Full PDB file with SEQRES, HELIX, SHEET, SSBOND, CRYST1, ORIGX, SCALE, CONECT and MASTER records, all heavy atoms in Angstrom:
SEQRES   1 A   43  ILE GLY SER ASP GLN ASP PRO ILE ALA ASN PRO PHE LEU          
SEQRES   2 A   43  ARG ASP PHE VAL GLY SER GLY ALA ARG ASP VAL PRO GLU          
SEQRES   3 A   43  GLU LEU PHE PRO ALA GLY PHE TYR ARG PHE SER ARG ARG          
SEQRES   4 A   43  SER PHE VAL THR                                              
HELIX    1 AA1 GLY A   18  ALA A   21  5                                   4    
CRYST1    1.000    1.000    1.000  90.00  90.00  90.00 P 1           1          
ORIGX1      1.000000  0.000000  0.000000        0.00000                         
ORIGX2      0.000000  1.000000  0.000000        0.00000                         
ORIGX3      0.000000  0.000000  1.000000        0.00000                         
SCALE1      1.000000  0.000000  0.000000        0.00000                         
SCALE2      0.000000  1.000000  0.000000        0.00000                         
SCALE3      0.000000  0.000000  1.000000        0.00000                         
ATOM      1  N   ILE A   1      55.636 118.350  28.107  1.00  0.00           N  
ATOM      2  CA  ILE A   1      54.719 118.524  26.984  1.00  0.00           C  
ATOM      3  C   ILE A   1      54.695 119.985  26.574  1.00  0.00           C  
ATOM      4  O   ILE A   1      54.521 120.875  27.392  1.00  0.00           O  
ATOM      5  CB  ILE A   1      53.299 118.069  27.364  1.00  0.00           C  
ATOM      6  CG1 ILE A   1      53.315 116.589  27.723  1.00  0.00           C  
ATOM      7  CG2 ILE A   1      52.320 118.322  26.226  1.00  0.00           C  
ATOM      8  CD1 ILE A   1      52.016 116.089  28.283  1.00  0.00           C  
ATOM      9  N   GLY A   2      54.864 120.216  25.291  1.00  0.00           N  
ATOM     10  CA  GLY A   2      54.852 121.585  24.786  1.00  0.00           C  
ATOM     11  C   GLY A   2      56.211 122.240  24.822  1.00  0.00           C  
ATOM     12  O   GLY A   2      56.350 123.379  24.403  1.00  0.00           O  
ATOM     13  N   SER A   3      57.256 121.539  25.291  1.00  0.00           N  
ATOM     14  CA  SER A   3      58.577 122.152  25.342  1.00  0.00           C  
ATOM     15  C   SER A   3      59.116 122.446  23.952  1.00  0.00           C  
ATOM     16  O   SER A   3      60.010 123.258  23.798  1.00  0.00           O  
ATOM     17  CB  SER A   3      59.550 121.231  26.096  1.00  0.00           C  
ATOM     18  OG  SER A   3      59.657 119.976  25.448  1.00  0.00           O  
ATOM     19  N   ASP A   4      58.533 121.755  22.920  1.00  0.00           N  
ATOM     20  CA  ASP A   4      58.925 122.041  21.551  1.00  0.00           C  
ATOM     21  C   ASP A   4      57.887 122.920  20.858  1.00  0.00           C  
ATOM     22  O   ASP A   4      57.899 123.071  19.648  1.00  0.00           O  
ATOM     23  CB  ASP A   4      59.112 120.737  20.770  1.00  0.00           C  
ATOM     24  CG  ASP A   4      57.859 119.882  20.745  1.00  0.00           C  
ATOM     25  OD1 ASP A   4      56.933 120.166  21.541  1.00  0.00           O  
ATOM     26  OD2 ASP A   4      57.799 118.945  19.921  1.00  0.00           O  
ATOM     27  N   GLN A   5      56.974 123.497  21.652  1.00  0.00           N  
ATOM     28  CA  GLN A   5      55.932 124.356  21.099  1.00  0.00           C  
ATOM     29  C   GLN A   5      56.101 125.758  21.683  1.00  0.00           C  
ATOM     30  O   GLN A   5      57.195 126.285  21.715  1.00  0.00           O  
ATOM     31  CB  GLN A   5      54.555 123.753  21.392  1.00  0.00           C  
ATOM     32  CG  GLN A   5      54.382 122.355  20.798  1.00  0.00           C  
ATOM     33  CD  GLN A   5      53.105 121.687  21.254  1.00  0.00           C  
ATOM     34  OE1 GLN A   5      52.263 122.278  21.923  1.00  0.00           O  
ATOM     35  NE2 GLN A   5      52.956 120.416  20.897  1.00  0.00           N  
ATOM     36  N   ASP A   6      55.019 126.364  22.135  1.00  0.00           N  
ATOM     37  CA  ASP A   6      55.067 127.708  22.684  1.00  0.00           C  
ATOM     38  C   ASP A   6      55.909 127.722  23.964  1.00  0.00           C  
ATOM     39  O   ASP A   6      55.576 127.036  24.936  1.00  0.00           O  
ATOM     40  CB  ASP A   6      53.643 128.175  22.994  1.00  0.00           C  
ATOM     41  CG  ASP A   6      53.585 129.649  23.348  1.00  0.00           C  
ATOM     42  OD1 ASP A   6      54.482 130.127  24.073  1.00  0.00           O  
ATOM     43  OD2 ASP A   6      52.654 130.317  22.900  1.00  0.00           O  
ATOM     44  N   PRO A   7      56.998 128.490  24.018  1.00  0.00           N  
ATOM     45  CA  PRO A   7      57.877 128.465  25.190  1.00  0.00           C  
ATOM     46  C   PRO A   7      57.276 129.131  26.413  1.00  0.00           C  
ATOM     47  O   PRO A   7      57.777 128.953  27.524  1.00  0.00           O  
ATOM     48  CB  PRO A   7      59.124 129.219  24.709  1.00  0.00           C  
ATOM     49  CG  PRO A   7      58.609 130.135  23.652  1.00  0.00           C  
ATOM     50  CD  PRO A   7      57.507 129.372  22.960  1.00  0.00           C  
ATOM     51  N   ILE A   8      56.212 129.916  26.240  1.00  0.00           N  
ATOM     52  CA  ILE A   8      55.598 130.586  27.380  1.00  0.00           C  
ATOM     53  C   ILE A   8      54.333 129.875  27.824  1.00  0.00           C  
ATOM     54  O   ILE A   8      54.093 129.680  29.004  1.00  0.00           O  
ATOM     55  CB  ILE A   8      55.287 132.065  27.043  1.00  0.00           C  
ATOM     56  CG1 ILE A   8      56.596 132.838  26.847  1.00  0.00           C  
ATOM     57  CG2 ILE A   8      54.441 132.715  28.134  1.00  0.00           C  
ATOM     58  CD1 ILE A   8      56.407 134.272  26.465  1.00  0.00           C  
ATOM     59  N   ALA A   9      53.497 129.427  26.857  1.00  0.00           N  
ATOM     60  CA  ALA A   9      52.208 128.835  27.201  1.00  0.00           C  
ATOM     61  C   ALA A   9      52.292 127.358  27.552  1.00  0.00           C  
ATOM     62  O   ALA A   9      51.310 126.781  27.986  1.00  0.00           O  
ATOM     63  CB  ALA A   9      51.222 129.028  26.045  1.00  0.00           C  
ATOM     64  N   ASN A  10      53.448 126.736  27.358  1.00  0.00           N  
ATOM     65  CA  ASN A  10      53.533 125.308  27.669  1.00  0.00           C  
ATOM     66  C   ASN A  10      53.422 125.105  29.188  1.00  0.00           C  
ATOM     67  O   ASN A  10      53.650 126.020  29.970  1.00  0.00           O  
ATOM     68  CB  ASN A  10      54.832 124.710  27.106  1.00  0.00           C  
ATOM     69  CG  ASN A  10      56.042 125.072  27.934  1.00  0.00           C  
ATOM     70  OD1 ASN A  10      56.287 124.504  28.985  1.00  0.00           O  
ATOM     71  ND2 ASN A  10      56.818 126.028  27.440  1.00  0.00           N  
ATOM     72  N   PRO A  11      53.032 123.906  29.623  1.00  0.00           N  
ATOM     73  CA  PRO A  11      52.760 123.676  31.047  1.00  0.00           C  
ATOM     74  C   PRO A  11      53.907 124.006  31.985  1.00  0.00           C  
ATOM     75  O   PRO A  11      53.678 124.359  33.134  1.00  0.00           O  
ATOM     76  CB  PRO A  11      52.415 122.174  31.091  1.00  0.00           C  
ATOM     77  CG  PRO A  11      51.881 121.882  29.730  1.00  0.00           C  
ATOM     78  CD  PRO A  11      52.686 122.742  28.784  1.00  0.00           C  
ATOM     79  N   PHE A  12      55.145 123.883  31.524  1.00  0.00           N  
ATOM     80  CA  PHE A  12      56.288 124.124  32.406  1.00  0.00           C  
ATOM     81  C   PHE A  12      56.352 125.578  32.865  1.00  0.00           C  
ATOM     82  O   PHE A  12      56.741 125.874  33.997  1.00  0.00           O  
ATOM     83  CB  PHE A  12      57.576 123.744  31.677  1.00  0.00           C  
ATOM     84  CG  PHE A  12      58.807 123.863  32.543  1.00  0.00           C  
ATOM     85  CD1 PHE A  12      59.036 122.980  33.577  1.00  0.00           C  
ATOM     86  CD2 PHE A  12      59.731 124.877  32.330  1.00  0.00           C  
ATOM     87  CE1 PHE A  12      60.156 123.095  34.384  1.00  0.00           C  
ATOM     88  CE2 PHE A  12      60.861 125.005  33.120  1.00  0.00           C  
ATOM     89  CZ  PHE A  12      61.074 124.105  34.149  1.00  0.00           C  
ATOM     90  N   LEU A  13      55.965 126.543  31.987  1.00  0.00           N  
ATOM     91  CA  LEU A  13      56.074 127.962  32.318  1.00  0.00           C  
ATOM     92  C   LEU A  13      54.736 128.678  32.451  1.00  0.00           C  
ATOM     93  O   LEU A  13      54.702 129.846  32.832  1.00  0.00           O  
ATOM     94  CB  LEU A  13      56.899 128.693  31.230  1.00  0.00           C  
ATOM     95  CG  LEU A  13      58.384 128.355  31.139  1.00  0.00           C  
ATOM     96  CD1 LEU A  13      59.026 129.156  30.019  1.00  0.00           C  
ATOM     97  CD2 LEU A  13      59.089 128.656  32.449  1.00  0.00           C  
ATOM     98  N   ARG A  14      53.638 127.982  32.141  1.00  0.00           N  
ATOM     99  CA  ARG A  14      52.347 128.669  32.060  1.00  0.00           C  
ATOM    100  C   ARG A  14      52.007 129.449  33.321  1.00  0.00           C  
ATOM    101  O   ARG A  14      51.531 130.581  33.266  1.00  0.00           O  
ATOM    102  CB  ARG A  14      51.237 127.658  31.766  1.00  0.00           C  
ATOM    103  CG  ARG A  14      49.858 128.316  31.609  1.00  0.00           C  
ATOM    104  CD  ARG A  14      48.746 127.291  31.502  1.00  0.00           C  
ATOM    105  NE  ARG A  14      48.933 126.456  30.332  1.00  0.00           N  
ATOM    106  CZ  ARG A  14      49.165 125.149  30.374  1.00  0.00           C  
ATOM    107  NH1 ARG A  14      49.262 124.537  31.541  1.00  0.00           N  
ATOM    108  NH2 ARG A  14      49.308 124.455  29.277  1.00  0.00           N  
ATOM    109  N   ASP A  15      52.236 128.871  34.485  1.00  0.00           N  
ATOM    110  CA  ASP A  15      51.866 129.534  35.733  1.00  0.00           C  
ATOM    111  C   ASP A  15      53.011 130.338  36.340  1.00  0.00           C  
ATOM    112  O   ASP A  15      52.902 130.825  37.468  1.00  0.00           O  
ATOM    113  CB  ASP A  15      51.368 128.494  36.742  1.00  0.00           C  
ATOM    114  CG  ASP A  15      50.084 127.843  36.272  1.00  0.00           C  
ATOM    115  OD1 ASP A  15      49.265 128.539  35.651  1.00  0.00           O  
ATOM    116  OD2 ASP A  15      49.915 126.635  36.517  1.00  0.00           O  
ATOM    117  N   PHE A  16      54.109 130.472  35.606  1.00  0.00           N  
ATOM    118  CA  PHE A  16      55.252 131.251  36.062  1.00  0.00           C  
ATOM    119  C   PHE A  16      55.412 132.463  35.138  1.00  0.00           C  
ATOM    120  O   PHE A  16      54.804 133.498  35.354  1.00  0.00           O  
ATOM    121  CB  PHE A  16      56.511 130.373  36.092  1.00  0.00           C  
ATOM    122  CG  PHE A  16      56.411 129.268  37.104  1.00  0.00           C  
ATOM    123  CD1 PHE A  16      55.754 128.091  36.815  1.00  0.00           C  
ATOM    124  CD2 PHE A  16      56.963 129.430  38.367  1.00  0.00           C  
ATOM    125  CE1 PHE A  16      55.642 127.079  37.762  1.00  0.00           C  
ATOM    126  CE2 PHE A  16      56.855 128.430  39.319  1.00  0.00           C  
ATOM    127  CZ  PHE A  16      56.190 127.249  39.020  1.00  0.00           C  
ATOM    128  N   VAL A  17      56.223 132.348  34.090  1.00  0.00           N  
ATOM    129  CA  VAL A  17      56.347 133.433  33.117  1.00  0.00           C  
ATOM    130  C   VAL A  17      55.014 133.680  32.418  1.00  0.00           C  
ATOM    131  O   VAL A  17      54.611 134.810  32.177  1.00  0.00           O  
ATOM    132  CB  VAL A  17      57.435 133.090  32.074  1.00  0.00           C  
ATOM    133  CG1 VAL A  17      57.530 134.175  31.019  1.00  0.00           C  
ATOM    134  CG2 VAL A  17      58.784 132.913  32.765  1.00  0.00           C  
ATOM    135  N   GLY A  18      54.312 132.595  32.094  1.00  0.00           N  
ATOM    136  CA  GLY A  18      53.105 132.718  31.290  1.00  0.00           C  
ATOM    137  C   GLY A  18      51.929 133.356  31.985  1.00  0.00           C  
ATOM    138  O   GLY A  18      51.006 133.836  31.329  1.00  0.00           O  
ATOM    139  N   SER A  19      51.918 133.385  33.310  1.00  0.00           N  
ATOM    140  CA  SER A  19      50.755 133.915  34.010  1.00  0.00           C  
ATOM    141  C   SER A  19      50.519 135.388  33.690  1.00  0.00           C  
ATOM    142  O   SER A  19      49.388 135.836  33.571  1.00  0.00           O  
ATOM    143  CB  SER A  19      50.918 133.725  35.523  1.00  0.00           C  
ATOM    144  OG  SER A  19      52.039 134.446  36.001  1.00  0.00           O  
ATOM    145  N   GLY A  20      51.596 136.154  33.540  1.00  0.00           N  
ATOM    146  CA  GLY A  20      51.444 137.570  33.218  1.00  0.00           C  
ATOM    147  C   GLY A  20      51.122 137.825  31.764  1.00  0.00           C  
ATOM    148  O   GLY A  20      50.698 138.924  31.395  1.00  0.00           O  
ATOM    149  N   ALA A  21      51.328 136.800  30.909  1.00  0.00           N  
ATOM    150  CA  ALA A  21      51.084 136.972  29.483  1.00  0.00           C  
ATOM    151  C   ALA A  21      49.637 136.728  29.111  1.00  0.00           C  
ATOM    152  O   ALA A  21      49.248 137.000  27.978  1.00  0.00           O  
ATOM    153  CB  ALA A  21      51.986 136.038  28.682  1.00  0.00           C  
ATOM    154  N   ARG A  22      48.837 136.222  30.025  1.00  0.00           N  
ATOM    155  CA  ARG A  22      47.440 135.935  29.727  1.00  0.00           C  
ATOM    156  C   ARG A  22      46.541 137.049  30.250  1.00  0.00           C  
ATOM    157  O   ARG A  22      46.703 137.547  31.358  1.00  0.00           O  
ATOM    158  CB  ARG A  22      47.006 134.602  30.367  1.00  0.00           C  
ATOM    159  CG  ARG A  22      47.725 133.397  29.807  1.00  0.00           C  
ATOM    160  CD  ARG A  22      46.987 132.102  30.155  1.00  0.00           C  
ATOM    161  NE  ARG A  22      46.780 131.934  31.583  1.00  0.00           N  
ATOM    162  CZ  ARG A  22      47.657 131.352  32.391  1.00  0.00           C  
ATOM    163  NH1 ARG A  22      48.807 130.909  31.914  1.00  0.00           N  
ATOM    164  NH2 ARG A  22      47.401 131.218  33.678  1.00  0.00           N  
ATOM    165  N   ASP A  23      45.593 137.436  29.420  1.00  0.00           N  
ATOM    166  CA  ASP A  23      44.529 138.358  29.831  1.00  0.00           C  
ATOM    167  C   ASP A  23      45.052 139.689  30.362  1.00  0.00           C  
ATOM    168  O   ASP A  23      44.642 140.152  31.436  1.00  0.00           O  
ATOM    169  CB  ASP A  23      43.633 137.687  30.890  1.00  0.00           C  
ATOM    170  CG  ASP A  23      42.988 136.412  30.372  1.00  0.00           C  
ATOM    171  OD1 ASP A  23      42.467 136.430  29.247  1.00  0.00           O  
ATOM    172  OD2 ASP A  23      43.027 135.389  31.092  1.00  0.00           O  
ATOM    173  N   VAL A  24      45.964 140.322  29.625  1.00  0.00           N  
ATOM    174  CA  VAL A  24      46.399 141.683  29.982  1.00  0.00           C  
ATOM    175  C   VAL A  24      45.184 142.602  29.826  1.00  0.00           C  
ATOM    176  O   VAL A  24      44.587 142.664  28.744  1.00  0.00           O  
ATOM    177  CB  VAL A  24      47.538 142.156  29.068  1.00  0.00           C  
ATOM    178  CG1 VAL A  24      47.906 143.605  29.376  1.00  0.00           C  
ATOM    179  CG2 VAL A  24      48.752 141.245  29.211  1.00  0.00           C  
ATOM    180  N   PRO A  25      44.759 143.296  30.875  1.00  0.00           N  
ATOM    181  CA  PRO A  25      43.534 144.101  30.807  1.00  0.00           C  
ATOM    182  C   PRO A  25      43.603 145.179  29.724  1.00  0.00           C  
ATOM    183  O   PRO A  25      44.630 145.844  29.565  1.00  0.00           O  
ATOM    184  CB  PRO A  25      43.435 144.727  32.202  1.00  0.00           C  
ATOM    185  CG  PRO A  25      44.253 143.845  33.080  1.00  0.00           C  
ATOM    186  CD  PRO A  25      45.375 143.339  32.216  1.00  0.00           C  
ATOM    187  N   GLU A  26      42.505 145.338  29.015  1.00  0.00           N  
ATOM    188  CA  GLU A  26      42.421 146.363  27.977  1.00  0.00           C  
ATOM    189  C   GLU A  26      42.654 147.750  28.559  1.00  0.00           C  
ATOM    190  O   GLU A  26      43.283 148.604  27.939  1.00  0.00           O  
ATOM    191  CB  GLU A  26      41.048 146.291  27.297  1.00  0.00           C  
ATOM    192  CG  GLU A  26      40.844 147.282  26.164  1.00  0.00           C  
ATOM    193  CD  GLU A  26      41.527 146.898  24.869  1.00  0.00           C  
ATOM    194  OE1 GLU A  26      41.905 145.716  24.727  1.00  0.00           O  
ATOM    195  OE2 GLU A  26      41.671 147.771  23.998  1.00  0.00           O  
ATOM    196  N   GLU A  27      42.157 147.978  29.765  1.00  0.00           N  
ATOM    197  CA  GLU A  27      42.333 149.296  30.374  1.00  0.00           C  
ATOM    198  C   GLU A  27      43.780 149.565  30.776  1.00  0.00           C  
ATOM    199  O   GLU A  27      44.186 150.718  30.903  1.00  0.00           O  
ATOM    200  CB  GLU A  27      41.412 149.467  31.588  1.00  0.00           C  
ATOM    201  CG  GLU A  27      41.642 148.481  32.721  1.00  0.00           C  
ATOM    202  CD  GLU A  27      40.802 147.213  32.580  1.00  0.00           C  
ATOM    203  OE1 GLU A  27      40.334 146.935  31.463  1.00  0.00           O  
ATOM    204  OE2 GLU A  27      40.640 146.506  33.595  1.00  0.00           O  
ATOM    205  N   LEU A  28      44.549 148.507  30.979  1.00  0.00           N  
ATOM    206  CA  LEU A  28      45.963 148.676  31.308  1.00  0.00           C  
ATOM    207  C   LEU A  28      46.780 149.014  30.070  1.00  0.00           C  
ATOM    208  O   LEU A  28      47.686 149.850  30.130  1.00  0.00           O  
ATOM    209  CB  LEU A  28      46.509 147.389  31.943  1.00  0.00           C  
ATOM    210  CG  LEU A  28      48.007 147.370  32.243  1.00  0.00           C  
ATOM    211  CD1 LEU A  28      48.352 148.387  33.322  1.00  0.00           C  
ATOM    212  CD2 LEU A  28      48.454 145.972  32.664  1.00  0.00           C  
ATOM    213  N   PHE A  29      46.447 148.377  28.941  1.00  0.00           N  
ATOM    214  CA  PHE A  29      47.203 148.581  27.713  1.00  0.00           C  
ATOM    215  C   PHE A  29      46.266 148.304  26.537  1.00  0.00           C  
ATOM    216  O   PHE A  29      46.159 147.168  26.076  1.00  0.00           O  
ATOM    217  CB  PHE A  29      48.406 147.634  27.683  1.00  0.00           C  
ATOM    218  CG  PHE A  29      49.520 148.062  26.768  1.00  0.00           C  
ATOM    219  CD1 PHE A  29      50.117 149.300  26.896  1.00  0.00           C  
ATOM    220  CD2 PHE A  29      49.995 147.204  25.779  1.00  0.00           C  
ATOM    221  CE1 PHE A  29      51.161 149.687  26.069  1.00  0.00           C  
ATOM    222  CE2 PHE A  29      51.039 147.578  24.941  1.00  0.00           C  
ATOM    223  CZ  PHE A  29      51.620 148.826  25.085  1.00  0.00           C  
ATOM    224  N   PRO A  30      45.572 149.332  26.044  1.00  0.00           N  
ATOM    225  CA  PRO A  30      44.553 149.120  25.015  1.00  0.00           C  
ATOM    226  C   PRO A  30      45.137 148.618  23.694  1.00  0.00           C  
ATOM    227  O   PRO A  30      46.289 148.910  23.353  1.00  0.00           O  
ATOM    228  CB  PRO A  30      43.945 150.521  24.829  1.00  0.00           C  
ATOM    229  CG  PRO A  30      44.360 151.302  26.013  1.00  0.00           C  
ATOM    230  CD  PRO A  30      45.658 150.738  26.466  1.00  0.00           C  
ATOM    231  N   ALA A  31      44.347 147.875  22.951  1.00  0.00           N  
ATOM    232  CA  ALA A  31      44.726 147.480  21.603  1.00  0.00           C  
ATOM    233  C   ALA A  31      44.692 148.703  20.697  1.00  0.00           C  
ATOM    234  O   ALA A  31      43.900 149.626  20.896  1.00  0.00           O  
ATOM    235  CB  ALA A  31      43.770 146.408  21.081  1.00  0.00           C  
ATOM    236  N   GLY A  32      45.562 148.728  19.707  1.00  0.00           N  
ATOM    237  CA  GLY A  32      45.615 149.845  18.770  1.00  0.00           C  
ATOM    238  C   GLY A  32      47.052 150.236  18.460  1.00  0.00           C  
ATOM    239  O   GLY A  32      47.987 149.464  18.673  1.00  0.00           O  
ATOM    240  N   PHE A  33      47.216 151.467  17.973  1.00  0.00           N  
ATOM    241  CA  PHE A  33      48.530 151.957  17.559  1.00  0.00           C  
ATOM    242  C   PHE A  33      49.160 152.827  18.645  1.00  0.00           C  
ATOM    243  O   PHE A  33      48.469 153.579  19.344  1.00  0.00           O  
ATOM    244  CB  PHE A  33      48.413 152.773  16.273  1.00  0.00           C  
ATOM    245  CG  PHE A  33      48.079 151.953  15.064  1.00  0.00           C  
ATOM    246  CD1 PHE A  33      46.758 151.781  14.675  1.00  0.00           C  
ATOM    247  CD2 PHE A  33      49.079 151.340  14.322  1.00  0.00           C  
ATOM    248  CE1 PHE A  33      46.443 151.021  13.554  1.00  0.00           C  
ATOM    249  CE2 PHE A  33      48.774 150.578  13.210  1.00  0.00           C  
ATOM    250  CZ  PHE A  33      47.441 150.411  12.825  1.00  0.00           C  
ATOM    251  N   TYR A  34      50.488 152.709  18.742  1.00  0.00           N  
ATOM    252  CA  TYR A  34      51.267 153.498  19.702  1.00  0.00           C  
ATOM    253  C   TYR A  34      52.444 154.149  18.981  1.00  0.00           C  
ATOM    254  O   TYR A  34      53.077 153.521  18.127  1.00  0.00           O  
ATOM    255  CB  TYR A  34      51.824 152.612  20.824  1.00  0.00           C  
ATOM    256  CG  TYR A  34      50.801 152.084  21.786  1.00  0.00           C  
ATOM    257  CD1 TYR A  34      49.975 151.022  21.432  1.00  0.00           C  
ATOM    258  CD2 TYR A  34      50.662 152.639  23.052  1.00  0.00           C  
ATOM    259  CE1 TYR A  34      49.035 150.515  22.323  1.00  0.00           C  
ATOM    260  CE2 TYR A  34      49.723 152.135  23.954  1.00  0.00           C  
ATOM    261  CZ  TYR A  34      48.915 151.082  23.578  1.00  0.00           C  
ATOM    262  OH  TYR A  34      47.989 150.585  24.457  1.00  0.00           O  
ATOM    263  N   ARG A  35      52.717 155.392  19.349  1.00  0.00           N  
ATOM    264  CA  ARG A  35      53.957 156.052  18.936  1.00  0.00           C  
ATOM    265  C   ARG A  35      54.945 155.888  20.096  1.00  0.00           C  
ATOM    266  O   ARG A  35      54.602 156.131  21.248  1.00  0.00           O  
ATOM    267  CB  ARG A  35      53.732 157.526  18.660  1.00  0.00           C  
ATOM    268  CG  ARG A  35      55.027 158.298  18.420  1.00  0.00           C  
ATOM    269  CD  ARG A  35      54.793 159.695  17.863  1.00  0.00           C  
ATOM    270  NE  ARG A  35      53.587 160.332  18.348  1.00  0.00           N  
ATOM    271  CZ  ARG A  35      52.879 161.237  17.632  1.00  0.00           C  
ATOM    272  NH1 ARG A  35      53.281 161.580  16.428  1.00  0.00           N  
ATOM    273  NH2 ARG A  35      51.790 161.789  18.134  1.00  0.00           N  
ATOM    274  N   PHE A  36      56.168 155.437  19.778  1.00  0.00           N  
ATOM    275  CA  PHE A  36      57.171 155.300  20.827  1.00  0.00           C  
ATOM    276  C   PHE A  36      58.372 156.180  20.502  1.00  0.00           C  
ATOM    277  O   PHE A  36      58.628 156.529  19.340  1.00  0.00           O  
ATOM    278  CB  PHE A  36      57.610 153.842  20.995  1.00  0.00           C  
ATOM    279  CG  PHE A  36      58.455 153.296  19.875  1.00  0.00           C  
ATOM    280  CD1 PHE A  36      59.830 153.465  19.862  1.00  0.00           C  
ATOM    281  CD2 PHE A  36      57.861 152.601  18.828  1.00  0.00           C  
ATOM    282  CE1 PHE A  36      60.608 152.963  18.832  1.00  0.00           C  
ATOM    283  CE2 PHE A  36      58.630 152.091  17.790  1.00  0.00           C  
ATOM    284  CZ  PHE A  36      60.008 152.278  17.789  1.00  0.00           C  
ATOM    285  N   SER A  37      59.120 156.535  21.509  1.00  0.00           N  
ATOM    286  CA  SER A  37      60.362 157.289  21.318  1.00  0.00           C  
ATOM    287  C   SER A  37      61.381 156.844  22.351  1.00  0.00           C  
ATOM    288  O   SER A  37      61.026 156.494  23.478  1.00  0.00           O  
ATOM    289  CB  SER A  37      60.108 158.802  21.420  1.00  0.00           C  
ATOM    290  OG  SER A  37      59.602 159.149  22.689  1.00  0.00           O  
ATOM    291  N   ARG A  38      62.625 156.853  21.946  1.00  0.00           N  
ATOM    292  CA  ARG A  38      63.740 156.491  22.830  1.00  0.00           C  
ATOM    293  C   ARG A  38      65.024 156.990  22.200  1.00  0.00           C  
ATOM    294  O   ARG A  38      65.066 157.324  21.016  1.00  0.00           O  
ATOM    295  CB  ARG A  38      63.823 154.974  23.014  1.00  0.00           C  
ATOM    296  CG  ARG A  38      64.064 154.203  21.721  1.00  0.00           C  
ATOM    297  CD  ARG A  38      64.468 152.771  21.974  1.00  0.00           C  
ATOM    298  NE  ARG A  38      64.546 151.965  20.766  1.00  0.00           N  
ATOM    299  CZ  ARG A  38      65.562 151.941  19.925  1.00  0.00           C  
ATOM    300  NH1 ARG A  38      66.624 152.718  20.158  1.00  0.00           N  
ATOM    301  NH2 ARG A  38      65.552 151.173  18.855  1.00  0.00           N  
ATOM    302  N   ARG A  39      66.084 157.027  23.002  1.00  0.00           N  
ATOM    303  CA  ARG A  39      67.393 157.368  22.472  1.00  0.00           C  
ATOM    304  C   ARG A  39      67.869 156.241  21.559  1.00  0.00           C  
ATOM    305  O   ARG A  39      67.609 155.068  21.797  1.00  0.00           O  
ATOM    306  CB  ARG A  39      68.389 157.567  23.610  1.00  0.00           C  
ATOM    307  CG  ARG A  39      69.744 158.131  23.157  1.00  0.00           C  
ATOM    308  CD  ARG A  39      70.707 158.242  24.326  1.00  0.00           C  
ATOM    309  NE  ARG A  39      70.280 159.200  25.308  1.00  0.00           N  
ATOM    310  CZ  ARG A  39      70.540 160.507  25.253  1.00  0.00           C  
ATOM    311  NH1 ARG A  39      71.240 160.995  24.225  1.00  0.00           N  
ATOM    312  NH2 ARG A  39      70.116 161.319  26.200  1.00  0.00           N  
ATOM    313  N   SER A  40      68.552 156.583  20.489  1.00  0.00           N  
ATOM    314  CA  SER A  40      69.066 155.578  19.566  1.00  0.00           C  
ATOM    315  C   SER A  40      70.180 154.774  20.213  1.00  0.00           C  
ATOM    316  O   SER A  40      71.048 155.330  20.888  1.00  0.00           O  
ATOM    317  CB  SER A  40      69.593 156.257  18.294  1.00  0.00           C  
ATOM    318  OG  SER A  40      70.344 155.343  17.517  1.00  0.00           O  
ATOM    319  N   PHE A  41      70.160 153.465  20.020  1.00  0.00           N  
ATOM    320  CA  PHE A  41      71.247 152.620  20.500  1.00  0.00           C  
ATOM    321  C   PHE A  41      72.482 152.758  19.615  1.00  0.00           C  
ATOM    322  O   PHE A  41      73.600 152.486  20.042  1.00  0.00           O  
ATOM    323  CB  PHE A  41      70.816 151.148  20.504  1.00  0.00           C  
ATOM    324  CG  PHE A  41      69.850 150.798  21.595  1.00  0.00           C  
ATOM    325  CD1 PHE A  41      68.649 150.178  21.291  1.00  0.00           C  
ATOM    326  CD2 PHE A  41      70.135 151.083  22.916  1.00  0.00           C  
ATOM    327  CE1 PHE A  41      67.756 149.838  22.291  1.00  0.00           C  
ATOM    328  CE2 PHE A  41      69.248 150.762  23.927  1.00  0.00           C  
ATOM    329  CZ  PHE A  41      68.056 150.135  23.611  1.00  0.00           C  
ATOM    330  N   VAL A  42      72.288 153.192  18.374  1.00  0.00           N  
ATOM    331  CA  VAL A  42      73.372 153.251  17.400  1.00  0.00           C  
ATOM    332  C   VAL A  42      74.059 154.612  17.403  1.00  0.00           C  
ATOM    333  O   VAL A  42      75.281 154.710  17.369  1.00  0.00           O  
ATOM    334  CB  VAL A  42      72.836 152.932  15.981  1.00  0.00           C  
ATOM    335  CG1 VAL A  42      73.966 152.976  14.959  1.00  0.00           C  
ATOM    336  CG2 VAL A  42      72.149 151.575  15.959  1.00  0.00           C  
ATOM    337  N   THR A  43      73.276 155.686  17.455  1.00  0.00           N  
ATOM    338  CA  THR A  43      73.800 157.050  17.460  1.00  0.00           C  
ATOM    339  C   THR A  43      73.226 157.776  18.666  1.00  0.00           C  
ATOM    340  O   THR A  43      72.076 158.210  18.649  1.00  0.00           O  
ATOM    341  CB  THR A  43      73.416 157.798  16.163  1.00  0.00           C  
ATOM    342  OG1 THR A  43      73.771 156.998  15.031  1.00  0.00           O  
ATOM    343  CG2 THR A  43      74.124 159.141  16.079  1.00  0.00           C  
TER     344      THR A  43                                                      
MASTER        0    0    0    1    0    0    0    6  343    1    0    4          
END                                                                             
């Protein structure tokens, strides 16, 4: 059930991959804007 719906929240993965996707603490990663930087993959 749900295999044609959300690939993470469906019952097959909810307690495996999906467990880390639920309730990420605000203090760990606050909502809002972030500036990111990394080396370019192209140049």
